PDB file of all heavy atoms in Angstrom:
ATOM      1  N   ASN A   1     -34.173 -10.552-148.272  1.00  0.00           N
ATOM      2  CA  ASN A   1     -34.117 -12.004-148.201  1.00  0.00           C
ATOM      3  C   ASN A   1     -33.983 -12.593-149.612  1.00  0.00           C
ATOM      4  O   ASN A   1     -34.719 -12.214-150.521  1.00  0.00           O
ATOM      5  CB  ASN A   1     -35.376 -12.561-147.538  1.00  0.00           C
ATOM      6  CG  ASN A   1     -35.488 -12.181-146.078  1.00  0.00           C
ATOM      7  OD1 ASN A   1     -34.492 -11.835-145.443  1.00  0.00           O
ATOM      8  ND2 ASN A   1     -36.681 -12.237-145.529  1.00  0.00           N
ATOM      9  N   GLY A   2     -33.041 -13.504-149.776  1.00  0.00           N
ATOM     10  CA  GLY A   2     -32.858 -14.171-151.063  1.00  0.00           C
ATOM     11  C   GLY A   2     -32.028 -13.416-152.070  1.00  0.00           C
ATOM     12  O   GLY A   2     -31.837 -13.892-153.191  1.00  0.00           O
ATOM     13  N   ARG A   3     -31.505 -12.251-151.714  1.00  0.00           N
ATOM     14  CA  ARG A   3     -30.729 -11.466-152.680  1.00  0.00           C
ATOM     15  C   ARG A   3     -29.461 -12.209-153.099  1.00  0.00           C
ATOM     16  O   ARG A   3     -28.698 -12.683-152.267  1.00  0.00           O
ATOM     17  CB  ARG A   3     -30.370 -10.104-152.083  1.00  0.00           C
ATOM     18  CG  ARG A   3     -29.555  -9.220-153.019  1.00  0.00           C
ATOM     19  CD  ARG A   3     -29.255  -7.873-152.379  1.00  0.00           C
ATOM     20  NE  ARG A   3     -30.367  -6.936-152.563  1.00  0.00           N
ATOM     21  CZ  ARG A   3     -30.631  -5.922-151.750  1.00  0.00           C
ATOM     22  NH1 ARG A   3     -29.893  -5.735-150.660  1.00  0.00           N
ATOM     23  NH2 ARG A   3     -31.650  -5.116-152.001  1.00  0.00           N
ATOM     24  N   ARG A   4     -29.255 -12.322-154.414  1.00  0.00           N
ATOM     25  CA  ARG A   4     -28.020 -12.843-154.976  1.00  0.00           C
ATOM     26  C   ARG A   4     -27.065 -11.683-155.249  1.00  0.00           C
ATOM     27  O   ARG A   4     -27.409 -10.528-155.039  1.00  0.00           O
ATOM     28  CB  ARG A   4     -28.297 -13.567-156.301  1.00  0.00           C
ATOM     29  CG  ARG A   4     -28.820 -14.999-156.160  1.00  0.00           C
ATOM     30  CD  ARG A   4     -30.278 -15.038-155.817  1.00  0.00           C
ATOM     31  NE  ARG A   4     -30.832 -16.380-156.077  1.00  0.00           N
ATOM     32  CZ  ARG A   4     -31.850 -16.890-155.422  1.00  0.00           C
ATOM     33  NH1 ARG A   4     -32.436 -16.204-154.463  1.00  0.00           N
ATOM     34  NH2 ARG A   4     -32.302 -18.098-155.730  1.00  0.00           N
ATOM     35  N   THR A   5     -25.884 -12.030-155.777  1.00  0.00           N
ATOM     36  CA  THR A   5     -25.002 -10.961-156.236  1.00  0.00           C
ATOM     37  C   THR A   5     -25.523 -10.429-157.567  1.00  0.00           C
ATOM     38  O   THR A   5     -25.975  -9.279-157.646  1.00  0.00           O
ATOM     39  CB  THR A   5     -23.546 -11.446-156.348  1.00  0.00           C
ATOM     40  OG1 THR A   5     -23.478 -12.616-157.174  1.00  0.00           O
ATOM     41  CG2 THR A   5     -22.962 -11.747-154.982  1.00  0.00           C
ATOM     42  N   VAL A   6     -25.495 -11.247-158.611  1.00  0.00           N
ATOM     43  CA  VAL A   6     -25.867 -10.759-159.947  1.00  0.00           C
ATOM     44  C   VAL A   6     -26.866 -11.663-160.666  1.00  0.00           C
ATOM     45  O   VAL A   6     -27.101 -11.487-161.864  1.00  0.00           O
ATOM     46  CB  VAL A   6     -24.611 -10.579-160.828  1.00  0.00           C
ATOM     47  CG1 VAL A   6     -23.682  -9.538-160.235  1.00  0.00           C
ATOM     48  CG2 VAL A   6     -23.867 -11.899-161.011  1.00  0.00           C
ATOM     49  N   TRP A   7     -27.462 -12.607-159.961  1.00  0.00           N
ATOM     50  CA  TRP A   7     -28.372 -13.557-160.611  1.00  0.00           C
ATOM     51  C   TRP A   7     -29.804 -13.390-160.124  1.00  0.00           C
ATOM     52  O   TRP A   7     -30.052 -12.897-159.026  1.00  0.00           O
ATOM     53  CB  TRP A   7     -27.908 -14.990-160.356  1.00  0.00           C
ATOM     54  CG  TRP A   7     -26.635 -15.298-161.060  1.00  0.00           C
ATOM     55  CD1 TRP A   7     -26.466 -15.543-162.389  1.00  0.00           C
ATOM     56  CD2 TRP A   7     -25.328 -15.364-160.483  1.00  0.00           C
ATOM     57  NE1 TRP A   7     -25.147 -15.762-162.676  1.00  0.00           N
ATOM     58  CE2 TRP A   7     -24.423 -15.661-161.532  1.00  0.00           C
ATOM     59  CE3 TRP A   7     -24.838 -15.214-159.190  1.00  0.00           C
ATOM     60  CZ2 TRP A   7     -23.058 -15.805-161.314  1.00  0.00           C
ATOM     61  CZ3 TRP A   7     -23.472 -15.355-158.971  1.00  0.00           C
ATOM     62  CH2 TRP A   7     -22.601 -15.637-160.026  1.00  0.00           C
ATOM     63  N   GLU A   8     -30.728 -13.821-160.951  1.00  0.00           N
ATOM     64  CA  GLU A   8     -32.146 -13.775-160.614  1.00  0.00           C
ATOM     65  C   GLU A   8     -32.555 -15.031-159.850  1.00  0.00           C
ATOM     66  O   GLU A   8     -31.988 -16.108-160.033  1.00  0.00           O
ATOM     67  CB  GLU A   8     -32.995 -13.686-161.898  1.00  0.00           C
ATOM     68  CG  GLU A   8     -32.722 -12.465-162.764  1.00  0.00           C
ATOM     69  CD  GLU A   8     -33.240 -11.171-162.163  1.00  0.00           C
ATOM     70  OE1 GLU A   8     -34.011 -11.232-161.182  1.00  0.00           O
ATOM     71  OE2 GLU A   8     -32.889 -10.101-162.677  1.00  0.00           O
ATOM     72  N   ASP A   9     -33.553 -14.894-159.019  1.00  0.00           N
ATOM     73  CA  ASP A   9     -34.240 -16.024-158.407  1.00  0.00           C
ATOM     74  C   ASP A   9     -35.352 -16.417-159.378  1.00  0.00           C
ATOM     75  O   ASP A   9     -36.187 -15.583-159.730  1.00  0.00           O
ATOM     76  CB  ASP A   9     -34.833 -15.609-157.061  1.00  0.00           C
ATOM     77  CG  ASP A   9     -35.502 -16.749-156.306  1.00  0.00           C
ATOM     78  OD1 ASP A   9     -36.086 -17.636-156.956  1.00  0.00           O
ATOM     79  OD2 ASP A   9     -35.458 -16.725-155.067  1.00  0.00           O
ATOM     80  N   PRO A  10     -35.387 -17.673-159.845  1.00  0.00           N
ATOM     81  CA  PRO A  10     -36.416 -18.048-160.817  1.00  0.00           C
ATOM     82  C   PRO A  10     -37.827 -18.051-160.254  1.00  0.00           C
ATOM     83  O   PRO A  10     -38.794 -18.110-161.014  1.00  0.00           O
ATOM     84  CB  PRO A  10     -35.998 -19.458-161.241  1.00  0.00           C
ATOM     85  CG  PRO A  10     -35.189 -19.979-160.104  1.00  0.00           C
ATOM     86  CD  PRO A  10     -34.484 -18.796-159.539  1.00  0.00           C
ATOM     87  N   TYR A  11     -37.952 -17.971-158.926  1.00  0.00           N
ATOM     88  CA  TYR A  11     -39.270 -18.057-158.298  1.00  0.00           C
ATOM     89  C   TYR A  11     -39.739 -16.754-157.659  1.00  0.00           C
ATOM     90  O   TYR A  11     -40.933 -16.568-157.442  1.00  0.00           O
ATOM     91  CB  TYR A  11     -39.268 -19.162-157.237  1.00  0.00           C
ATOM     92  CG  TYR A  11     -38.751 -20.476-157.761  1.00  0.00           C
ATOM     93  CD1 TYR A  11     -37.598 -21.051-157.240  1.00  0.00           C
ATOM     94  CD2 TYR A  11     -39.398 -21.131-158.806  1.00  0.00           C
ATOM     95  CE1 TYR A  11     -37.114 -22.251-157.728  1.00  0.00           C
ATOM     96  CE2 TYR A  11     -38.926 -22.331-159.304  1.00  0.00           C
ATOM     97  CZ  TYR A  11     -37.780 -22.889-158.766  1.00  0.00           C
ATOM     98  OH  TYR A  11     -37.292 -24.078-159.258  1.00  0.00           O
ATOM     99  N   LYS A  12     -38.802 -15.863-157.332  1.00  0.00           N
ATOM    100  CA  LYS A  12     -39.158 -14.589-156.706  1.00  0.00           C
ATOM    101  C   LYS A  12     -38.472 -13.456-157.467  1.00  0.00           C
ATOM    102  O   LYS A  12     -37.257 -13.486-157.655  1.00  0.00           O
ATOM    103  CB  LYS A  12     -38.714 -14.549-155.240  1.00  0.00           C
ATOM    104  CG  LYS A  12     -39.483 -15.469-154.323  1.00  0.00           C
ATOM    105  CD  LYS A  12     -39.004 -15.277-152.888  1.00  0.00           C
ATOM    106  CE  LYS A  12     -39.780 -16.159-151.919  1.00  0.00           C
ATOM    107  NZ  LYS A  12     -39.296 -15.971-150.529  1.00  0.00           N
ATOM    108  N   PRO A  13     -39.209 -12.437-157.884  1.00  0.00           N
ATOM    109  CA  PRO A  13     -38.588 -11.332-158.624  1.00  0.00           C
ATOM    110  C   PRO A  13     -37.763 -10.425-157.717  1.00  0.00           C
ATOM    111  O   PRO A  13     -37.968 -10.373-156.510  1.00  0.00           O
ATOM    112  CB  PRO A  13     -39.792 -10.587-159.208  1.00  0.00           C
ATOM    113  CG  PRO A  13     -40.895 -10.855-158.236  1.00  0.00           C
ATOM    114  CD  PRO A  13     -40.666 -12.263-157.738  1.00  0.00           C
ATOM    115  N   GLY A  14     -36.824  -9.713-158.334  1.00  0.00           N
ATOM    116  CA  GLY A  14     -36.127  -8.638-157.638  1.00  0.00           C
ATOM    117  C   GLY A  14     -34.972  -9.057-156.766  1.00  0.00           C
ATOM    118  O   GLY A  14     -34.517  -8.279-155.927  1.00  0.00           O
ATOM    119  N   ARG A  15     -34.472 -10.285-156.963  1.00  0.00           N
ATOM    120  CA  ARG A  15     -33.386 -10.760-156.092  1.00  0.00           C
ATOM    121  C   ARG A  15     -31.997 -10.594-156.699  1.00  0.00           C
ATOM    122  O   ARG A  15     -31.006 -11.014-156.112  1.00  0.00           O
ATOM    123  CB  ARG A  15     -33.622 -12.224-155.720  1.00  0.00           C
ATOM    124  CG  ARG A  15     -34.363 -12.444-154.402  1.00  0.00           C
ATOM    125  CD  ARG A  15     -35.700 -11.800-154.342  1.00  0.00           C
ATOM    126  NE  ARG A  15     -36.315 -11.950-153.026  1.00  0.00           N
ATOM    127  CZ  ARG A  15     -37.506 -11.480-152.704  1.00  0.00           C
ATOM    128  NH1 ARG A  15     -38.219 -10.810-153.607  1.00  0.00           N
ATOM    129  NH2 ARG A  15     -38.003 -11.637-151.510  1.00  0.00           N
ATOM    130  N   ASN A  16     -31.904 -10.024-157.887  1.00  0.00           N
ATOM    131  CA  ASN A  16     -30.608  -9.748-158.500  1.00  0.00           C
ATOM    132  C   ASN A  16     -30.043  -8.479-157.868  1.00  0.00           C
ATOM    133  O   ASN A  16     -30.560  -7.381-158.061  1.00  0.00           O
ATOM    134  CB  ASN A  16     -30.775  -9.563-160.011  1.00  0.00           C
ATOM    135  CG  ASN A  16     -29.470  -9.310-160.741  1.00  0.00           C
ATOM    136  OD1 ASN A  16     -28.503  -8.811-160.179  1.00  0.00           O
ATOM    137  ND2 ASN A  16     -29.453  -9.640-162.022  1.00  0.00           N
ATOM    138  N   GLY A  17     -28.969  -8.622-157.101  1.00  0.00           N
ATOM    139  CA  GLY A  17     -28.438  -7.496-156.346  1.00  0.00           C
ATOM    140  C   GLY A  17     -27.871  -6.373-157.180  1.00  0.00           C
ATOM    141  O   GLY A  17     -27.704  -5.254-156.696  1.00  0.00           O
ATOM    142  N   LEU A  18     -27.574  -6.640-158.441  1.00  0.00           N
ATOM    143  CA  LEU A  18     -27.006  -5.606-159.301  1.00  0.00           C
ATOM    144  C   LEU A  18     -28.078  -4.647-159.824  1.00  0.00           C
ATOM    145  O   LEU A  18     -27.792  -3.475-160.075  1.00  0.00           O
ATOM    146  CB  LEU A  18     -26.296  -6.277-160.480  1.00  0.00           C
ATOM    147  CG  LEU A  18     -25.233  -5.485-161.221  1.00  0.00           C
ATOM    148  CD1 LEU A  18     -24.149  -4.984-160.271  1.00  0.00           C
ATOM    149  CD2 LEU A  18     -24.619  -6.342-162.321  1.00  0.00           C
ATOM    150  N   VAL A  19     -29.304  -5.136-159.954  1.00  0.00           N
ATOM    151  CA  VAL A  19     -30.376  -4.330-160.537  1.00  0.00           C
ATOM    152  C   VAL A  19     -30.808  -3.246-159.549  1.00  0.00           C
ATOM    153  O   VAL A  19     -31.225  -3.523-158.428  1.00  0.00           O
ATOM    154  CB  VAL A  19     -31.582  -5.215-160.909  1.00  0.00           C
ATOM    155  CG1 VAL A  19     -32.735  -4.350-161.410  1.00  0.00           C
ATOM    156  CG2 VAL A  19     -31.185  -6.238-161.973  1.00  0.00           C
ATOM    157  N   GLY A  20     -30.685  -2.001-159.970  1.00  0.00           N
ATOM    158  CA  GLY A  20     -31.117  -0.876-159.145  1.00  0.00           C
ATOM    159  C   GLY A  20     -30.133  -0.434-158.088  1.00  0.00           C
ATOM    160  O   GLY A  20     -30.402   0.532-157.354  1.00  0.00           O
ATOM    161  N   LEU A  21     -28.983  -1.091-157.994  1.00  0.00           N
ATOM    162  CA  LEU A  21     -28.029  -0.748-156.939  1.00  0.00           C
ATOM    163  C   LEU A  21     -27.508   0.678-157.072  1.00  0.00           C
ATOM    164  O   LEU A  21     -27.400   1.405-156.082  1.00  0.00           O
ATOM    165  CB  LEU A  21     -26.867  -1.746-156.950  1.00  0.00           C
ATOM    166  CG  LEU A  21     -25.685  -1.428-156.034  1.00  0.00           C
ATOM    167  CD1 LEU A  21     -26.132  -1.216-154.593  1.00  0.00           C
ATOM    168  CD2 LEU A  21     -24.645  -2.541-156.123  1.00  0.00           C
ATOM    169  N   GLU A  22     -27.182   1.089-158.278  1.00  0.00           N
ATOM    170  CA  GLU A  22     -26.645   2.438-158.447  1.00  0.00           C
ATOM    171  C   GLU A  22     -27.636   3.496-157.984  1.00  0.00           C
ATOM    172  O   GLU A  22     -27.254   4.522-157.407  1.00  0.00           O
ATOM    173  CB  GLU A  22     -26.253   2.653-159.909  1.00  0.00           C
ATOM    174  CG  GLU A  22     -25.082   1.787-160.338  1.00  0.00           C
ATOM    175  CD  GLU A  22     -24.811   1.864-161.823  1.00  0.00           C
ATOM    176  OE1 GLU A  22     -24.664   2.986-162.334  1.00  0.00           O
ATOM    177  OE2 GLU A  22     -24.748   0.801-162.466  1.00  0.00           O
ATOM    178  N   GLN A  23     -28.918   3.228-158.200  1.00  0.00           N
ATOM    179  CA  GLN A  23     -29.952   4.167-157.745  1.00  0.00           C
ATOM    180  C   GLN A  23     -30.077   4.148-156.221  1.00  0.00           C
ATOM    181  O   GLN A  23     -30.376   5.178-155.607  1.00  0.00           O
ATOM    182  CB  GLN A  23     -31.292   3.824-158.400  1.00  0.00           C
ATOM    183  CG  GLN A  23     -31.361   4.171-159.885  1.00  0.00           C
ATOM    184  CD  GLN A  23     -30.485   3.279-160.742  1.00  0.00           C
ATOM    185  OE1 GLN A  23     -30.450   2.065-160.527  1.00  0.00           O
ATOM    186  NE2 GLN A  23     -29.787   3.864-161.694  1.00  0.00           N
ATOM    187  N   ARG A  24     -29.834   2.984-155.598  1.00  0.00           N
ATOM    188  CA  ARG A  24     -29.871   2.927-154.131  1.00  0.00           C
ATOM    189  C   ARG A  24     -28.751   3.775-153.532  1.00  0.00           C
ATOM    190  O   ARG A  24     -28.934   4.425-152.500  1.00  0.00           O
ATOM    191  CB  ARG A  24     -29.725   1.481-153.632  1.00  0.00           C
ATOM    192  CG  ARG A  24     -30.769   0.501-154.131  1.00  0.00           C
ATOM    193  CD  ARG A  24     -32.177   1.009-153.973  1.00  0.00           C
ATOM    194  NE  ARG A  24     -32.499   1.305-152.581  1.00  0.00           N
ATOM    195  CZ  ARG A  24     -33.506   2.089-152.200  1.00  0.00           C
ATOM    196  NH1 ARG A  24     -34.258   2.695-153.105  1.00  0.00           N
ATOM    197  NH2 ARG A  24     -33.754   2.279-150.926  1.00  0.00           N
ATOM    198  N   ILE A  25     -27.603   3.784-154.187  1.00  0.00           N
ATOM    199  CA  ILE A  25     -26.509   4.631-153.725  1.00  0.00           C
ATOM    200  C   ILE A  25     -26.888   6.099-153.886  1.00  0.00           C
ATOM    201  O   ILE A  25     -26.671   6.926-152.987  1.00  0.00           O
ATOM    202  CB  ILE A  25     -25.212   4.323-154.510  1.00  0.00           C
ATOM    203  CG1 ILE A  25     -24.795   2.856-154.332  1.00  0.00           C
ATOM    204  CG2 ILE A  25     -24.091   5.263-154.080  1.00  0.00           C
ATOM    205  CD1 ILE A  25     -24.540   2.435-152.923  1.00  0.00           C
ATOM    206  N   GLU A  26     -27.476   6.429-155.026  1.00  0.00           N
ATOM    207  CA  GLU A  26     -27.894   7.803-155.286  1.00  0.00           C
ATOM    208  C   GLU A  26     -28.946   8.259-154.277  1.00  0.00           C
ATOM    209  O   GLU A  26     -28.876   9.378-153.731  1.00  0.00           O
ATOM    210  CB  GLU A  26     -28.445   7.902-156.705  1.00  0.00           C
ATOM    211  CG  GLU A  26     -28.793   9.316-157.150  1.00  0.00           C
ATOM    212  CD  GLU A  26     -29.299   9.362-158.576  1.00  0.00           C
ATOM    213  OE1 GLU A  26     -29.556   8.296-159.174  1.00  0.00           O
ATOM    214  OE2 GLU A  26     -29.453  10.481-159.092  1.00  0.00           O
ATOM    215  N   VAL A  27     -29.919   7.407-154.007  1.00  0.00           N
ATOM    216  CA  VAL A  27     -31.005   7.740-153.077  1.00  0.00           C
ATOM    217  C   VAL A  27     -30.470   8.079-151.691  1.00  0.00           C
ATOM    218  O   VAL A  27     -30.945   9.014-151.025  1.00  0.00           O
ATOM    219  CB  VAL A  27     -32.001   6.557-152.981  1.00  0.00           C
ATOM    220  CG1 VAL A  27     -32.891   6.682-151.748  1.00  0.00           C
ATOM    221  CG2 VAL A  27     -32.862   6.478-154.231  1.00  0.00           C
ATOM    222  N   ASN A  28     -29.472   7.310-151.232  1.00  0.00           N
ATOM    223  CA  ASN A  28     -29.027   7.431-149.843  1.00  0.00           C
ATOM    224  C   ASN A  28     -27.787   8.298-149.655  1.00  0.00           C
ATOM    225  O   ASN A  28     -27.308   8.438-148.533  1.00  0.00           O
ATOM    226  CB  ASN A  28     -28.767   6.033-149.277  1.00  0.00           C
ATOM    227  CG  ASN A  28     -30.044   5.234-149.111  1.00  0.00           C
ATOM    228  OD1 ASN A  28     -30.906   5.590-148.313  1.00  0.00           O
ATOM    229  ND2 ASN A  28     -30.186   4.159-149.877  1.00  0.00           N
ATOM    230  N   SER A  29     -27.268   8.879-150.724  1.00  0.00           N
ATOM    231  CA  SER A  29     -26.086   9.742-150.615  1.00  0.00           C
ATOM    232  C   SER A  29     -26.416  11.020-149.849  1.00  0.00           C
ATOM    233  O   SER A  29     -27.571  11.476-149.861  1.00  0.00           O
ATOM    234  CB  SER A  29     -25.572  10.089-152.016  1.00  0.00           C
ATOM    235  OG  SER A  29     -25.003   8.955-152.622  1.00  0.00           O
ATOM    236  N   PRO A  30     -25.412  11.602-149.163  1.00  0.00           N
ATOM    237  CA  PRO A  30     -24.012  11.171-149.148  1.00  0.00           C
ATOM    238  C   PRO A  30     -23.775  10.011-148.178  1.00  0.00           C
ATOM    239  O   PRO A  30     -24.356   9.969-147.091  1.00  0.00           O
ATOM    240  CB  PRO A  30     -23.276  12.425-148.668  1.00  0.00           C
ATOM    241  CG  PRO A  30     -24.292  13.141-147.810  1.00  0.00           C
ATOM    242  CD  PRO A  30     -25.619  12.877-148.451  1.00  0.00           C
ATOM    243  N   LEU A  31     -22.941   9.086-148.591  1.00  0.00           N
ATOM    244  CA  LEU A  31     -22.596   7.920-147.796  1.00  0.00           C
ATOM    245  C   LEU A  31     -21.108   7.939-147.467  1.00  0.00           C
ATOM    246  O   LEU A  31     -20.281   8.233-148.329  1.00  0.00           O
ATOM    247  CB  LEU A  31     -22.919   6.636-148.552  1.00  0.00           C
ATOM    248  CG  LEU A  31     -24.400   6.336-148.807  1.00  0.00           C
ATOM    249  CD1 LEU A  31     -24.541   5.235-149.844  1.00  0.00           C
ATOM    250  CD2 LEU A  31     -25.095   5.932-147.503  1.00  0.00           C
ATOM    251  N   SER A  32     -20.788   7.609-146.236  1.00  0.00           N
ATOM    252  CA  SER A  32     -19.378   7.460-145.861  1.00  0.00           C
ATOM    253  C   SER A  32     -18.863   6.072-146.201  1.00  0.00           C
ATOM    254  O   SER A  32     -17.672   5.897-146.489  1.00  0.00           O
ATOM    255  CB  SER A  32     -19.202   7.703-144.355  1.00  0.00           C
ATOM    256  OG  SER A  32     -19.585   9.010-143.998  1.00  0.00           O
ATOM    257  N   LEU A  33     -19.768   5.083-146.170  1.00  0.00           N
ATOM    258  CA  LEU A  33     -19.336   3.695-146.310  1.00  0.00           C
ATOM    259  C   LEU A  33     -20.502   2.847-146.797  1.00  0.00           C
ATOM    260  O   LEU A  33     -21.656   3.066-146.396  1.00  0.00           O
ATOM    261  CB  LEU A  33     -18.846   3.168-144.955  1.00  0.00           C
ATOM    262  CG  LEU A  33     -18.395   1.715-144.864  1.00  0.00           C
ATOM    263  CD1 LEU A  33     -17.113   1.485-145.673  1.00  0.00           C
ATOM    264  CD2 LEU A  33     -18.182   1.314-143.407  1.00  0.00           C
ATOM    265  N   VAL A  34     -20.200   1.880-147.661  1.00  0.00           N
ATOM    266  CA  VAL A  34     -21.155   0.839-148.026  1.00  0.00           C
ATOM    267  C   VAL A  34     -20.559  -0.498-147.588  1.00  0.00           C
ATOM    268  O   VAL A  34     -19.419  -0.819-147.922  1.00  0.00           O
ATOM    269  CB  VAL A  34     -21.434   0.805-149.543  1.00  0.00           C
ATOM    270  CG1 VAL A  34     -22.428  -0.314-149.869  1.00  0.00           C
ATOM    271  CG2 VAL A  34     -21.970   2.148-150.018  1.00  0.00           C
TER     272      VAL A  34
END
């Protein structure tokens, strides 16, 4: 909830969608599709 593409939410941490994304791909691999 509240996730942006590349920006932070000034009131809630962790809403910048770019932060940690590469690790999410690594965690869930192998993936056929995102």
